[in-house]
Amino acid sequence: MDKETLRKEIDYHINIKNNLWLAIVATVSGTLAVFFALINGALKSIFVIIGILFTILLLTGYSRTNDYIGKLFKKLKKEEN
């Protein structure tokens, strides 16, 4: 790969990482809102568990994207040398 293609791919994955971070913040805040707003215990626990699982899924995606960006930066440094 050439340097310009690597830079565009890095920018693309940084954008994905930012969108994942936004989704994590929205999911956590929504889960907390449901936790404090609902009175029904069974419905509250179902939505909170779903929110926690979805947050874990998003954090995993964020971590993998961050690792991939690091690998792309290493590749870019090799291309520059």
PDB file of N, CA and C in Angstrom:
ATOM      1  N   MET A   1       0.834  -1.189   0.000  1.00  0.00           N
ATOM      2  CA  MET A   1       0.000   0.000   0.000  1.00  0.00           C
ATOM      3  C   MET A   1       0.871   1.241   0.000  1.00  0.00           C
ATOM      4  N   ASP A   2       0.381   2.261  -0.665  1.00  0.00           N
ATOM      5  CA  ASP A   2       1.129   3.500  -0.626  1.00  0.00           C
ATOM      6  C   ASP A   2       0.698   4.350   0.572  1.00  0.00           C
ATOM      7  N   LYS A   3       1.467   5.402   0.811  1.00  0.00           N
ATOM      8  CA  LYS A   3       1.243   6.215   2.016  1.00  0.00           C
ATOM      9  C   LYS A   3      -0.121   6.904   2.019  1.00  0.00           C
ATOM     10  N   GLU A   4      -0.540   7.384   0.858  1.00  0.00           N
ATOM     11  CA  GLU A   4      -1.820   8.106   0.797  1.00  0.00           C
ATOM     12  C   GLU A   4      -2.998   7.178   1.086  1.00  0.00           C
ATOM     13  N   THR A   5      -2.939   5.966   0.593  1.00  0.00           N
ATOM     14  CA  THR A   5      -4.003   4.986   0.861  1.00  0.00           C
ATOM     15  C   THR A   5      -4.044   4.630   2.343  1.00  0.00           C
ATOM     16  N   LEU A   6      -2.880   4.468   2.944  1.00  0.00           N
ATOM     17  CA  LEU A   6      -2.828   4.176   4.378  1.00  0.00           C
ATOM     18  C   LEU A   6      -3.391   5.328   5.204  1.00  0.00           C
ATOM     19  N   ARG A   7      -3.072   6.550   4.828  1.00  0.00           N
ATOM     20  CA  ARG A   7      -3.603   7.713   5.558  1.00  0.00           C
ATOM     21  C   ARG A   7      -5.118   7.789   5.459  1.00  0.00           C
ATOM     22  N   LYS A   8      -5.665   7.503   4.266  1.00  0.00           N
ATOM     23  CA  LYS A   8      -7.118   7.526   4.109  1.00  0.00           C
ATOM     24  C   LYS A   8      -7.776   6.414   4.918  1.00  0.00           C
ATOM     25  N   GLU A   9      -7.143   5.241   4.959  1.00  0.00           N
ATOM     26  CA  GLU A   9      -7.696   4.143   5.749  1.00  0.00           C
ATOM     27  C   GLU A   9      -7.635   4.456   7.246  1.00  0.00           C
ATOM     28  N   ILE A  10      -6.558   5.097   7.680  1.00  0.00           N
ATOM     29  CA  ILE A  10      -6.450   5.508   9.085  1.00  0.00           C
ATOM     30  C   ILE A  10      -7.541   6.512   9.422  1.00  0.00           C
ATOM     31  N   ASP A  11      -7.758   7.493   8.541  1.00  0.00           N
ATOM     32  CA  ASP A  11      -8.827   8.474   8.777  1.00  0.00           C
ATOM     33  C   ASP A  11     -10.190   7.801   8.838  1.00  0.00           C
ATOM     34  N   TYR A  12     -10.418   6.837   7.965  1.00  0.00           N
ATOM     35  CA  TYR A  12     -11.689   6.117   7.941  1.00  0.00           C
ATOM     36  C   TYR A  12     -11.920   5.381   9.265  1.00  0.00           C
ATOM     37  N   HIS A  13     -10.905   4.703   9.750  1.00  0.00           N
ATOM     38  CA  HIS A  13     -11.057   3.937  10.989  1.00  0.00           C
ATOM     39  C   HIS A  13     -11.111   4.845  12.224  1.00  0.00           C
ATOM     40  N   ILE A  14     -10.473   5.995  12.168  1.00  0.00           N
ATOM     41  CA  ILE A  14     -10.611   6.962  13.262  1.00  0.00           C
ATOM     42  C   ILE A  14     -12.048   7.465  13.313  1.00  0.00           C
ATOM     43  N   ASN A  15     -12.667   7.675  12.157  1.00  0.00           N
ATOM     44  CA  ASN A  15     -14.068   8.088  12.116  1.00  0.00           C
ATOM     45  C   ASN A  15     -14.967   6.998  12.711  1.00  0.00           C
ATOM     46  N   ILE A  16     -14.701   5.753  12.379  1.00  0.00           N
ATOM     47  CA  ILE A  16     -15.469   4.638  12.953  1.00  0.00           C
ATOM     48  C   ILE A  16     -15.292   4.610  14.468  1.00  0.00           C
ATOM     49  N   LYS A  17     -14.062   4.809  14.933  1.00  0.00           N
ATOM     50  CA  LYS A  17     -13.790   4.812  16.365  1.00  0.00           C
ATOM     51  C   LYS A  17     -14.556   5.922  17.077  1.00  0.00           C
ATOM     52  N   ASN A  18     -14.606   7.095  16.468  1.00  0.00           N
ATOM     53  CA  ASN A  18     -15.358   8.203  17.059  1.00  0.00           C
ATOM     54  C   ASN A  18     -16.851   7.902  17.111  1.00  0.00           C
ATOM     55  N   ASN A  19     -17.378   7.284  16.057  1.00  0.00           N
ATOM     56  CA  ASN A  19     -18.796   6.920  16.052  1.00  0.00           C
ATOM     57  C   ASN A  19     -19.101   5.859  17.104  1.00  0.00           C
ATOM     58  N   LEU A  20     -18.191   4.920  17.300  1.00  0.00           N
ATOM     59  CA  LEU A  20     -18.383   3.906  18.341  1.00  0.00           C
ATOM     60  C   LEU A  20     -18.383   4.557  19.723  1.00  0.00           C
ATOM     61  N   TRP A  21     -17.504   5.520  19.926  1.00  0.00           N
ATOM     62  CA  TRP A  21     -17.454   6.208  21.215  1.00  0.00           C
ATOM     63  C   TRP A  21     -18.765   6.944  21.484  1.00  0.00           C
ATOM     64  N   LEU A  22     -19.302   7.585  20.458  1.00  0.00           N
ATOM     65  CA  LEU A  22     -20.580   8.272  20.594  1.00  0.00           C
ATOM     66  C   LEU A  22     -21.704   7.276  20.920  1.00  0.00           C
ATOM     67  N   ALA A  23     -21.682   6.128  20.281  1.00  0.00           N
ATOM     68  CA  ALA A  23     -22.694   5.102  20.553  1.00  0.00           C
ATOM     69  C   ALA A  23     -22.556   4.562  21.975  1.00  0.00           C
ATOM     70  N   ILE A  24     -21.336   4.441  22.474  1.00  0.00           N
ATOM     71  CA  ILE A  24     -21.121   3.975  23.849  1.00  0.00           C
ATOM     72  C   ILE A  24     -21.709   4.974  24.839  1.00  0.00           C
ATOM     73  N   VAL A  25     -21.440   6.256  24.614  1.00  0.00           N
ATOM     74  CA  VAL A  25     -21.960   7.289  25.519  1.00  0.00           C
ATOM     75  C   VAL A  25     -23.488   7.299  25.495  1.00  0.00           C
ATOM     76  N   ALA A  26     -24.074   7.191  24.308  1.00  0.00           N
ATOM     77  CA  ALA A  26     -25.533   7.196  24.194  1.00  0.00           C
ATOM     78  C   ALA A  26     -26.138   5.965  24.855  1.00  0.00           C
ATOM     79  N   THR A  27     -25.506   4.813  24.699  1.00  0.00           N
ATOM     80  CA  THR A  27     -26.025   3.577  25.287  1.00  0.00           C
ATOM     81  C   THR A  27     -25.943   3.605  26.806  1.00  0.00           C
ATOM     82  N   VAL A  28     -24.831   4.065  27.330  1.00  0.00           N
ATOM     83  CA  VAL A  28     -24.679   4.126  28.789  1.00  0.00           C
ATOM     84  C   VAL A  28     -25.659   5.126  29.384  1.00  0.00           C
ATOM     85  N   SER A  29     -25.789   6.284  28.761  1.00  0.00           N
ATOM     86  CA  SER A  29     -26.720   7.277  29.304  1.00  0.00           C
ATOM     87  C   SER A  29     -28.166   6.801  29.178  1.00  0.00           C
ATOM     88  N   GLY A  30     -28.498   6.122  28.099  1.00  0.00           N
ATOM     89  CA  GLY A  30     -29.844   5.568  27.959  1.00  0.00           C
ATOM     90  C   GLY A  30     -30.129   4.479  28.972  1.00  0.00           C
ATOM     91  N   THR A  31     -29.135   3.642  29.225  1.00  0.00           N
ATOM     92  CA  THR A  31     -29.294   2.583  30.221  1.00  0.00           C
ATOM     93  C   THR A  31     -29.491   3.174  31.616  1.00  0.00           C
ATOM     94  N   LEU A  32     -28.726   4.195  31.946  1.00  0.00           N
ATOM     95  CA  LEU A  32     -28.898   4.854  33.245  1.00  0.00           C
ATOM     96  C   LEU A  32     -30.254   5.538  33.353  1.00  0.00           C
ATOM     97  N   ALA A  33     -30.707   6.139  32.264  1.00  0.00           N
ATOM     98  CA  ALA A  33     -32.023   6.785  32.282  1.00  0.00           C
ATOM     99  C   ALA A  33     -33.132   5.770  32.507  1.00  0.00           C
ATOM    100  N   VAL A  34     -33.028   4.620  31.847  1.00  0.00           N
ATOM    101  CA  VAL A  34     -34.025   3.563  32.046  1.00  0.00           C
ATOM    102  C   VAL A  34     -33.954   3.038  33.469  1.00  0.00           C
ATOM    103  N   PHE A  35     -32.759   2.888  33.993  1.00  0.00           N
ATOM    104  CA  PHE A  35     -32.592   2.367  35.345  1.00  0.00           C
ATOM    105  C   PHE A  35     -33.265   3.259  36.382  1.00  0.00           C
ATOM    106  N   PHE A  36     -33.124   4.571  36.230  1.00  0.00           N
ATOM    107  CA  PHE A  36     -33.691   5.482  37.219  1.00  0.00           C
ATOM    108  C   PHE A  36     -35.138   5.870  36.940  1.00  0.00           C
ATOM    109  N   ALA A  37     -35.630   5.652  35.715  1.00  0.00           N
ATOM    110  CA  ALA A  37     -36.972   6.104  35.369  1.00  0.00           C
ATOM    111  C   ALA A  37     -38.039   5.030  35.560  1.00  0.00           C
ATOM    112  N   LEU A  38     -37.703   3.788  35.272  1.00  0.00           N
ATOM    113  CA  LEU A  38     -38.720   2.740  35.332  1.00  0.00           C
ATOM    114  C   LEU A  38     -38.959   2.278  36.762  1.00  0.00           C
ATOM    115  N   ILE A  39     -40.204   1.992  37.051  1.00  0.00           N
ATOM    116  CA  ILE A  39     -40.578   1.506  38.379  1.00  0.00           C
ATOM    117  C   ILE A  39     -40.688  -0.019  38.381  1.00  0.00           C
ATOM    118  N   ASN A  40     -41.170  -0.569  37.266  1.00  0.00           N
ATOM    119  CA  ASN A  40     -41.340  -2.011  37.144  1.00  0.00           C
ATOM    120  C   ASN A  40     -39.984  -2.708  37.195  1.00  0.00           C
ATOM    121  N   GLY A  41     -39.775  -3.542  38.196  1.00  0.00           N
ATOM    122  CA  GLY A  41     -38.473  -4.173  38.410  1.00  0.00           C
ATOM    123  C   GLY A  41     -38.066  -5.139  37.323  1.00  0.00           C
ATOM    124  N   ALA A  42     -39.000  -5.955  36.816  1.00  0.00           N
ATOM    125  CA  ALA A  42     -38.651  -6.941  35.802  1.00  0.00           C
ATOM    126  C   ALA A  42     -38.279  -6.266  34.487  1.00  0.00           C
ATOM    127  N   LEU A  43     -39.074  -5.287  34.095  1.00  0.00           N
ATOM    128  CA  LEU A  43     -38.803  -4.573  32.845  1.00  0.00           C
ATOM    129  C   LEU A  43     -37.511  -3.775  32.952  1.00  0.00           C
ATOM    130  N   LYS A  44     -37.277  -3.189  34.121  1.00  0.00           N
ATOM    131  CA  LYS A  44     -36.051  -2.432  34.354  1.00  0.00           C
ATOM    132  C   LYS A  44     -34.829  -3.330  34.214  1.00  0.00           C
ATOM    133  N   SER A  45     -34.872  -4.502  34.824  1.00  0.00           N
ATOM    134  CA  SER A  45     -33.713  -5.399  34.783  1.00  0.00           C
ATOM    135  C   SER A  45     -33.453  -5.903  33.372  1.00  0.00           C
ATOM    136  N   ILE A  46     -34.500  -6.158  32.601  1.00  0.00           N
ATOM    137  CA  ILE A  46     -34.317  -6.619  31.218  1.00  0.00           C
ATOM    138  C   ILE A  46     -33.612  -5.552  30.388  1.00  0.00           C
ATOM    139  N   PHE A  47     -34.099  -4.308  30.470  1.00  0.00           N
ATOM    140  CA  PHE A  47     -33.501  -3.231  29.686  1.00  0.00           C
ATOM    141  C   PHE A  47     -32.079  -2.898  30.145  1.00  0.00           C
ATOM    142  N   VAL A  48     -31.821  -2.979  31.421  1.00  0.00           N
ATOM    143  CA  VAL A  48     -30.475  -2.702  31.927  1.00  0.00           C
ATOM    144  C   VAL A  48     -29.504  -3.787  31.471  1.00  0.00           C
ATOM    145  N   ILE A  49     -29.921  -5.034  31.497  1.00  0.00           N
ATOM    146  CA  ILE A  49     -29.050  -6.120  31.032  1.00  0.00           C
ATOM    147  C   ILE A  49     -28.765  -5.974  29.539  1.00  0.00           C
ATOM    148  N   ILE A  50     -29.788  -5.648  28.760  1.00  0.00           N
ATOM    149  CA  ILE A  50     -29.581  -5.423  27.326  1.00  0.00           C
ATOM    150  C   ILE A  50     -28.627  -4.248  27.104  1.00  0.00           C
ATOM    151  N   GLY A  51     -28.779  -3.179  27.873  1.00  0.00           N
ATOM    152  CA  GLY A  51     -27.896  -2.023  27.745  1.00  0.00           C
ATOM    153  C   GLY A  51     -26.452  -2.363  28.099  1.00  0.00           C
ATOM    154  N   ILE A  52     -26.266  -3.152  29.146  1.00  0.00           N
ATOM    155  CA  ILE A  52     -24.908  -3.546  29.545  1.00  0.00           C
ATOM    156  C   ILE A  52     -24.273  -4.431  28.478  1.00  0.00           C
ATOM    157  N   LEU A  53     -25.032  -5.380  27.942  1.00  0.00           N
ATOM    158  CA  LEU A  53     -24.499  -6.261  26.902  1.00  0.00           C
ATOM    159  C   LEU A  53     -24.142  -5.473  25.641  1.00  0.00           C
ATOM    160  N   PHE A  54     -24.996  -4.544  25.265  1.00  0.00           N
ATOM    161  CA  PHE A  54     -24.717  -3.725  24.091  1.00  0.00           C
ATOM    162  C   PHE A  54     -23.503  -2.833  24.323  1.00  0.00           C
ATOM    163  N   THR A  55     -23.344  -2.323  25.524  1.00  0.00           N
ATOM    164  CA  THR A  55     -22.168  -1.513  25.849  1.00  0.00           C
ATOM    165  C   THR A  55     -20.892  -2.339  25.761  1.00  0.00           C
ATOM    166  N   ILE A  56     -20.933  -3.556  26.259  1.00  0.00           N
ATOM    167  CA  ILE A  56     -19.764  -4.440  26.170  1.00  0.00           C
ATOM    168  C   ILE A  56     -19.426  -4.726  24.712  1.00  0.00           C
ATOM    169  N   LEU A  57     -20.445  -4.952  23.896  1.00  0.00           N
ATOM    170  CA  LEU A  57     -20.226  -5.191  22.470  1.00  0.00           C
ATOM    171  C   LEU A  57     -19.578  -3.973  21.810  1.00  0.00           C
ATOM    172  N   LEU A  58     -20.055  -2.791  22.119  1.00  0.00           N
ATOM    173  CA  LEU A  58     -19.481  -1.575  21.544  1.00  0.00           C
ATOM    174  C   LEU A  58     -18.057  -1.332  22.036  1.00  0.00           C
ATOM    175  N   LEU A  59     -17.787  -1.610  23.306  1.00  0.00           N
ATOM    176  CA  LEU A  59     -16.424  -1.448  23.832  1.00  0.00           C
ATOM    177  C   LEU A  59     -15.458  -2.413  23.163  1.00  0.00           C
ATOM    178  N   THR A  60     -15.917  -3.613  22.863  1.00  0.00           N
ATOM    179  CA  THR A  60     -15.074  -4.579  22.156  1.00  0.00           C
ATOM    180  C   THR A  60     -14.744  -4.072  20.754  1.00  0.00           C
ATOM    181  N   GLY A  61     -15.750  -3.549  20.063  1.00  0.00           N
ATOM    182  CA  GLY A  61     -15.512  -2.983  18.739  1.00  0.00           C
ATOM    183  C   GLY A  61     -14.580  -1.794  18.783  1.00  0.00           C
ATOM    184  N   TYR A  62     -14.731  -0.953  19.797  1.00  0.00           N
ATOM    185  CA  TYR A  62     -13.853   0.203  19.966  1.00  0.00           C
ATOM    186  C   TYR A  62     -12.409  -0.241  20.184  1.00  0.00           C
ATOM    187  N   SER A  63     -12.236  -1.245  21.017  1.00  0.00           N
ATOM    188  CA  SER A  63     -10.890  -1.742  21.308  1.00  0.00           C
ATOM    189  C   SER A  63     -10.239  -2.344  20.062  1.00  0.00           C
ATOM    190  N   ARG A  64     -10.991  -3.124  19.324  1.00  0.00           N
ATOM    191  CA  ARG A  64     -10.439  -3.730  18.102  1.00  0.00           C
ATOM    192  C   ARG A  64     -10.098  -2.677  17.063  1.00  0.00           C
ATOM    193  N   THR A  65     -10.949  -1.670  16.932  1.00  0.00           N
ATOM    194  CA  THR A  65     -10.673  -0.596  15.982  1.00  0.00           C
ATOM    195  C   THR A  65      -9.431   0.175  16.395  1.00  0.00           C
ATOM    196  N   ASN A  66      -9.273   0.417  17.680  1.00  0.00           N
ATOM    197  CA  ASN A  66      -8.095   1.117  18.179  1.00  0.00           C
ATOM    198  C   ASN A  66      -6.829   0.306  17.912  1.00  0.00           C
ATOM    199  N   ASP A  67      -6.879  -0.998  18.116  1.00  0.00           N
ATOM    200  CA  ASP A  67      -5.728  -1.854  17.828  1.00  0.00           C
ATOM    201  C   ASP A  67      -5.391  -1.840  16.337  1.00  0.00           C
ATOM    202  N   TYR A  68      -6.421  -1.876  15.493  1.00  0.00           N
ATOM    203  CA  TYR A  68      -6.201  -1.879  14.045  1.00  0.00           C
ATOM    204  C   TYR A  68      -5.582  -0.561  13.590  1.00  0.00           C
ATOM    205  N   ILE A  69      -5.991   0.543  14.184  1.00  0.00           N
ATOM    206  CA  ILE A  69      -5.402   1.834  13.844  1.00  0.00           C
ATOM    207  C   ILE A  69      -3.917   1.843  14.229  1.00  0.00           C
ATOM    208  N   GLY A  70      -3.587   1.256  15.360  1.00  0.00           N
ATOM    209  CA  GLY A  70      -2.181   1.153  15.759  1.00  0.00           C
ATOM    210  C   GLY A  70      -1.363   0.356  14.759  1.00  0.00           C
ATOM    211  N   LYS A  71      -1.927  -0.736  14.258  1.00  0.00           N
ATOM    212  CA  LYS A  71      -1.229  -1.538  13.242  1.00  0.00           C
ATOM    213  C   LYS A  71      -1.049  -0.753  11.951  1.00  0.00           C
ATOM    214  N   LEU A  72      -2.068   0.037  11.585  1.00  0.00           N
ATOM    215  CA  LEU A  72      -1.943   0.851  10.374  1.00  0.00           C
ATOM    216  C   LEU A  72      -0.870   1.926  10.529  1.00  0.00           C
ATOM    217  N   PHE A  73      -0.758   2.505  11.726  1.00  0.00           N
ATOM    218  CA  PHE A  73       0.302   3.488  11.963  1.00  0.00           C
ATOM    219  C   PHE A  73       1.685   2.843  11.864  1.00  0.00           C
ATOM    220  N   LYS A  74       1.829   1.632  12.369  1.00  0.00           N
ATOM    221  CA  LYS A  74       3.112   0.917  12.242  1.00  0.00           C
ATOM    222  C   LYS A  74       3.440   0.657  10.767  1.00  0.00           C
ATOM    223  N   LYS A  75       2.415   0.283   9.992  1.00  0.00           N
ATOM    224  CA  LYS A  75       2.608   0.040   8.574  1.00  0.00           C
ATOM    225  C   LYS A  75       3.010   1.325   7.864  1.00  0.00           C
ATOM    226  N   LEU A  76       2.402   2.444   8.282  1.00  0.00           N
ATOM    227  CA  LEU A  76       2.724   3.729   7.672  1.00  0.00           C
ATOM    228  C   LEU A  76       4.157   4.131   7.972  1.00  0.00           C
ATOM    229  N   LYS A  77       4.608   3.855   9.193  1.00  0.00           N
ATOM    230  CA  LYS A  77       6.003   4.172   9.541  1.00  0.00           C
ATOM    231  C   LYS A  77       6.970   3.332   8.715  1.00  0.00           C
ATOM    232  N   LYS A  78       6.631   2.073   8.456  1.00  0.00           N
ATOM    233  CA  LYS A  78       7.477   1.229   7.621  1.00  0.00           C
ATOM    234  C   LYS A  78       7.514   1.754   6.185  1.00  0.00           C
ATOM    235  N   GLU A  79       6.387   2.245   5.696  1.00  0.00           N
ATOM    236  CA  GLU A  79       6.333   2.795   4.346  1.00  0.00           C
ATOM    237  C   GLU A  79       7.183   4.060   4.209  1.00  0.00           C
ATOM    238  N   GLU A  80       7.229   4.860   5.284  1.00  0.00           N
ATOM    239  CA  GLU A  80       7.992   6.098   5.224  1.00  0.00           C
ATOM    240  C   GLU A  80       9.497   5.842   5.279  1.00  0.00           C
ATOM    241  N   ASN A  81       9.890   4.730   5.865  1.00  0.00           N
ATOM    242  CA  ASN A  81      11.334   4.418   5.946  1.00  0.00           C
ATOM    243  C   ASN A  81      11.800   3.748   4.724  1.00  0.00           C
TER     244      ASN A  81
END
